[in-house]
Amino acid sequence: MSKATRRAKQPKIAPSGRYTPPKPRSERKSPSWHLWFLFGPLILGALLIVVNFLAVLPGGESTWYLLVGMGLMTVGFVFATKYR
């Protein structure tokens, strides 16, 4: 049997009606506050790490300041991946 004959014998699948068309590009915009949640934690996290190495923070250099700074930067990167 040829491929055309096999395709003709296969039953047609009816659409389920569950298809949701994608949003148009004009509607895919992030809200204005999204940029604040993107750049704010990035800048604060980087600043916290730099200030920690300068030993200006109370308690001197601490691993916790580094972890908080990295956490803030991670939040900024997560928001950066969601920005449109």
N, C-alpha and C. Protein backbone atom coordinates (compact mmCIF):
# COMPACT_ATOMS: atom_id res chain seq x y z
N MET A 1 0.83 -1.18 0.00
CA MET A 1 0.00 0.00 0.00
C MET A 1 0.87 1.25 0.00
N SER A 2 0.43 2.23 -0.72
CA SER A 2 1.21 3.47 -0.75
C SER A 2 0.83 4.33 0.45
N LYS A 3 1.62 5.36 0.70
CA LYS A 3 1.37 6.25 1.83
C LYS A 3 0.06 7.00 1.68
N ALA A 4 -0.27 7.38 0.46
CA ALA A 4 -1.51 8.11 0.22
C ALA A 4 -2.72 7.25 0.55
N THR A 5 -2.65 5.97 0.25
CA THR A 5 -3.77 5.07 0.54
C THR A 5 -3.91 4.88 2.04
N ARG A 6 -2.77 4.74 2.75
CA ARG A 6 -2.83 4.58 4.21
C ARG A 6 -3.41 5.82 4.87
N ARG A 7 -3.03 7.00 4.39
CA ARG A 7 -3.56 8.24 4.97
C ARG A 7 -5.06 8.36 4.72
N ALA A 8 -5.51 7.93 3.56
CA ALA A 8 -6.92 8.04 3.23
C ALA A 8 -7.76 7.11 4.10
N LYS A 9 -7.21 5.98 4.52
CA LYS A 9 -7.96 5.02 5.33
C LYS A 9 -8.00 5.40 6.81
N GLN A 10 -7.12 6.28 7.26
CA GLN A 10 -7.11 6.65 8.66
C GLN A 10 -8.34 7.50 8.98
N PRO A 11 -8.96 7.27 10.13
CA PRO A 11 -10.14 8.05 10.48
C PRO A 11 -9.76 9.50 10.78
N LYS A 12 -10.64 10.40 10.43
CA LYS A 12 -10.43 11.82 10.71
C LYS A 12 -10.75 12.07 12.18
N ILE A 13 -9.92 12.85 12.84
CA ILE A 13 -10.14 13.17 14.25
C ILE A 13 -10.89 14.49 14.32
N ALA A 14 -12.00 14.49 15.00
CA ALA A 14 -12.81 15.70 15.14
C ALA A 14 -12.15 16.61 16.17
N PRO A 15 -12.17 17.92 15.94
CA PRO A 15 -11.60 18.83 16.93
C PRO A 15 -12.39 18.76 18.24
N SER A 16 -11.68 18.85 19.34
CA SER A 16 -12.33 18.68 20.64
C SER A 16 -13.01 19.95 21.12
N GLY A 17 -12.71 21.09 20.53
CA GLY A 17 -13.31 22.33 20.98
C GLY A 17 -12.59 22.92 22.18
N ARG A 18 -11.47 22.37 22.55
CA ARG A 18 -10.73 22.85 23.71
C ARG A 18 -9.56 23.75 23.32
N TYR A 19 -9.42 24.02 22.06
CA TYR A 19 -8.31 24.85 21.59
C TYR A 19 -8.53 26.30 22.00
N THR A 20 -7.52 26.90 22.60
CA THR A 20 -7.56 28.31 22.95
C THR A 20 -6.52 29.02 22.09
N PRO A 21 -6.95 29.93 21.24
CA PRO A 21 -5.98 30.61 20.39
C PRO A 21 -5.05 31.50 21.23
N PRO A 22 -3.81 31.68 20.79
CA PRO A 22 -2.88 32.53 21.54
C PRO A 22 -3.31 34.00 21.51
N LYS A 23 -2.86 34.73 22.52
CA LYS A 23 -3.18 36.15 22.58
C LYS A 23 -2.40 36.89 21.49
N PRO A 24 -2.99 37.93 20.94
CA PRO A 24 -2.24 38.74 19.97
C PRO A 24 -1.05 39.43 20.63
N ARG A 25 -0.04 39.74 19.86
CA ARG A 25 1.17 40.37 20.40
C ARG A 25 0.87 41.71 21.07
N SER A 26 -0.15 42.40 20.60
CA SER A 26 -0.47 43.70 21.19
C SER A 26 -0.97 43.57 22.63
N GLU A 27 -1.52 42.41 22.99
CA GLU A 27 -2.02 42.20 24.35
C GLU A 27 -0.96 41.62 25.28
N ARG A 28 0.16 41.17 24.76
CA ARG A 28 1.21 40.55 25.57
C ARG A 28 2.16 41.61 26.10
N LYS A 29 1.69 42.46 26.97
CA LYS A 29 2.55 43.49 27.57
C LYS A 29 2.54 43.33 29.07
N SER A 30 3.69 43.48 29.68
CA SER A 30 3.77 43.41 31.13
C SER A 30 3.27 44.72 31.73
N PRO A 31 2.72 44.66 32.94
CA PRO A 31 2.29 45.90 33.60
C PRO A 31 3.50 46.77 33.94
N SER A 32 3.23 48.05 34.20
CA SER A 32 4.34 48.99 34.44
C SER A 32 5.11 48.68 35.72
N TRP A 33 4.44 48.11 36.72
CA TRP A 33 5.12 47.81 37.98
C TRP A 33 6.10 46.66 37.83
N HIS A 34 6.03 45.92 36.76
CA HIS A 34 6.89 44.75 36.57
C HIS A 34 8.36 45.14 36.50
N LEU A 35 8.67 46.27 35.90
CA LEU A 35 10.07 46.72 35.82
C LEU A 35 10.65 47.02 37.19
N TRP A 36 9.81 47.54 38.10
CA TRP A 36 10.30 47.81 39.46
C TRP A 36 10.65 46.51 40.17
N PHE A 37 9.85 45.48 39.96
CA PHE A 37 10.12 44.19 40.58
C PHE A 37 11.26 43.47 39.88
N LEU A 38 11.64 43.93 38.71
CA LEU A 38 12.76 43.35 37.98
C LEU A 38 14.07 44.00 38.43
N PHE A 39 14.14 45.32 38.32
CA PHE A 39 15.40 46.01 38.61
C PHE A 39 15.64 46.23 40.11
N GLY A 40 14.59 46.40 40.88
CA GLY A 40 14.74 46.66 42.31
C GLY A 40 15.54 45.58 43.03
N PRO A 41 15.08 44.32 42.99
CA PRO A 41 15.84 43.26 43.67
C PRO A 41 17.22 43.03 43.07
N LEU A 42 17.36 43.20 41.75
CA LEU A 42 18.69 43.02 41.14
C LEU A 42 19.68 44.03 41.72
N ILE A 43 19.28 45.29 41.76
CA ILE A 43 20.17 46.34 42.24
C ILE A 43 20.41 46.20 43.74
N LEU A 44 19.34 45.95 44.50
CA LEU A 44 19.51 45.80 45.95
C LEU A 44 20.40 44.60 46.30
N GLY A 45 20.22 43.49 45.59
CA GLY A 45 21.04 42.31 45.85
C GLY A 45 22.51 42.56 45.54
N ALA A 46 22.78 43.20 44.41
CA ALA A 46 24.18 43.50 44.05
C ALA A 46 24.78 44.49 45.05
N LEU A 47 24.01 45.49 45.45
CA LEU A 47 24.49 46.47 46.42
C LEU A 47 24.77 45.82 47.77
N LEU A 48 23.90 44.91 48.19
CA LEU A 48 24.09 44.22 49.46
C LEU A 48 25.36 43.38 49.44
N ILE A 49 25.65 42.72 48.34
CA ILE A 49 26.86 41.91 48.24
C ILE A 49 28.11 42.79 48.27
N VAL A 50 28.09 43.90 47.55
CA VAL A 50 29.25 44.81 47.53
C VAL A 50 29.48 45.41 48.90
N VAL A 51 28.41 45.85 49.55
CA VAL A 51 28.55 46.47 50.88
C VAL A 51 29.01 45.43 51.89
N ASN A 52 28.61 44.18 51.72
CA ASN A 52 29.08 43.12 52.61
C ASN A 52 30.59 42.96 52.51
N PHE A 53 31.13 42.98 51.31
CA PHE A 53 32.58 42.82 51.14
C PHE A 53 33.35 44.04 51.64
N LEU A 54 32.69 45.19 51.69
CA LEU A 54 33.34 46.37 52.25
C LEU A 54 33.27 46.38 53.77
N ALA A 55 32.58 45.41 54.37
CA ALA A 55 32.44 45.25 55.83
C ALA A 55 31.82 46.49 56.46
N VAL A 56 30.84 47.08 55.80
CA VAL A 56 30.15 48.27 56.32
C VAL A 56 28.91 47.86 57.11
N LEU A 57 28.35 46.72 56.84
CA LEU A 57 27.13 46.27 57.49
C LEU A 57 27.40 45.86 58.94
N PRO A 58 26.38 45.94 59.79
CA PRO A 58 26.57 45.53 61.18
C PRO A 58 26.93 44.04 61.27
N GLY A 59 27.90 43.72 62.08
CA GLY A 59 28.35 42.34 62.22
C GLY A 59 29.48 41.99 61.27
N GLY A 60 29.93 42.93 60.47
CA GLY A 60 31.01 42.67 59.53
C GLY A 60 30.56 41.78 58.38
N GLU A 61 31.53 41.09 57.79
CA GLU A 61 31.21 40.20 56.67
C GLU A 61 30.45 38.99 57.20
N SER A 62 29.37 38.63 56.49
CA SER A 62 28.58 37.49 56.91
C SER A 62 28.07 36.73 55.69
N THR A 63 27.98 35.44 55.84
CA THR A 63 27.44 34.61 54.77
C THR A 63 25.97 34.91 54.54
N TRP A 64 25.26 35.30 55.59
CA TRP A 64 23.82 35.57 55.47
C TRP A 64 23.55 36.77 54.56
N TYR A 65 24.41 37.77 54.64
CA TYR A 65 24.24 38.91 53.74
C TYR A 65 24.42 38.48 52.27
N LEU A 66 25.38 37.60 52.05
CA LEU A 66 25.59 37.09 50.69
C LEU A 66 24.38 36.28 50.21
N LEU A 67 23.84 35.44 51.10
CA LEU A 67 22.69 34.63 50.71
C LEU A 67 21.46 35.50 50.43
N VAL A 68 21.24 36.51 51.24
CA VAL A 68 20.11 37.41 51.01
C VAL A 68 20.31 38.17 49.71
N GLY A 69 21.54 38.63 49.45
CA GLY A 69 21.83 39.32 48.20
C GLY A 69 21.62 38.44 46.99
N MET A 70 22.07 37.20 47.07
CA MET A 70 21.86 36.26 45.96
C MET A 70 20.38 35.94 45.78
N GLY A 71 19.64 35.83 46.89
CA GLY A 71 18.21 35.59 46.81
C GLY A 71 17.48 36.73 46.13
N LEU A 72 17.85 37.97 46.48
CA LEU A 72 17.24 39.13 45.83
C LEU A 72 17.55 39.16 44.35
N MET A 73 18.78 38.84 43.99
CA MET A 73 19.14 38.82 42.58
C MET A 73 18.40 37.70 41.83
N THR A 74 18.17 36.58 42.48
CA THR A 74 17.41 35.50 41.86
C THR A 74 15.97 35.93 41.60
N VAL A 75 15.37 36.65 42.55
CA VAL A 75 14.01 37.16 42.34
C VAL A 75 14.00 38.11 41.14
N GLY A 76 15.01 38.96 41.02
CA GLY A 76 15.09 39.86 39.87
C GLY A 76 15.22 39.11 38.56
N PHE A 77 16.02 38.05 38.55
CA PHE A 77 16.17 37.26 37.32
C PHE A 77 14.89 36.53 36.96
N VAL A 78 14.15 36.05 37.96
CA VAL A 78 12.88 35.38 37.68
C VAL A 78 11.90 36.35 37.04
N PHE A 79 11.83 37.57 37.56
CA PHE A 79 10.95 38.58 36.97
C PHE A 79 11.45 38.97 35.58
N ALA A 80 12.75 38.93 35.36
CA ALA A 80 13.27 39.27 34.04
C ALA A 80 12.85 38.25 32.98
N THR A 81 12.72 37.00 33.39
CA THR A 81 12.30 35.99 32.42
C THR A 81 10.82 36.09 32.09
N LYS A 82 10.03 36.74 32.94
CA LYS A 82 8.59 36.88 32.72
C LYS A 82 8.23 38.19 32.01
N TYR A 83 9.20 39.06 31.81
CA TYR A 83 8.92 40.38 31.22
C TYR A 83 8.66 40.26 29.73
N ARG A 84 7.66 40.99 29.26
CA ARG A 84 7.34 41.04 27.83
C ARG A 84 7.26 42.47 27.40
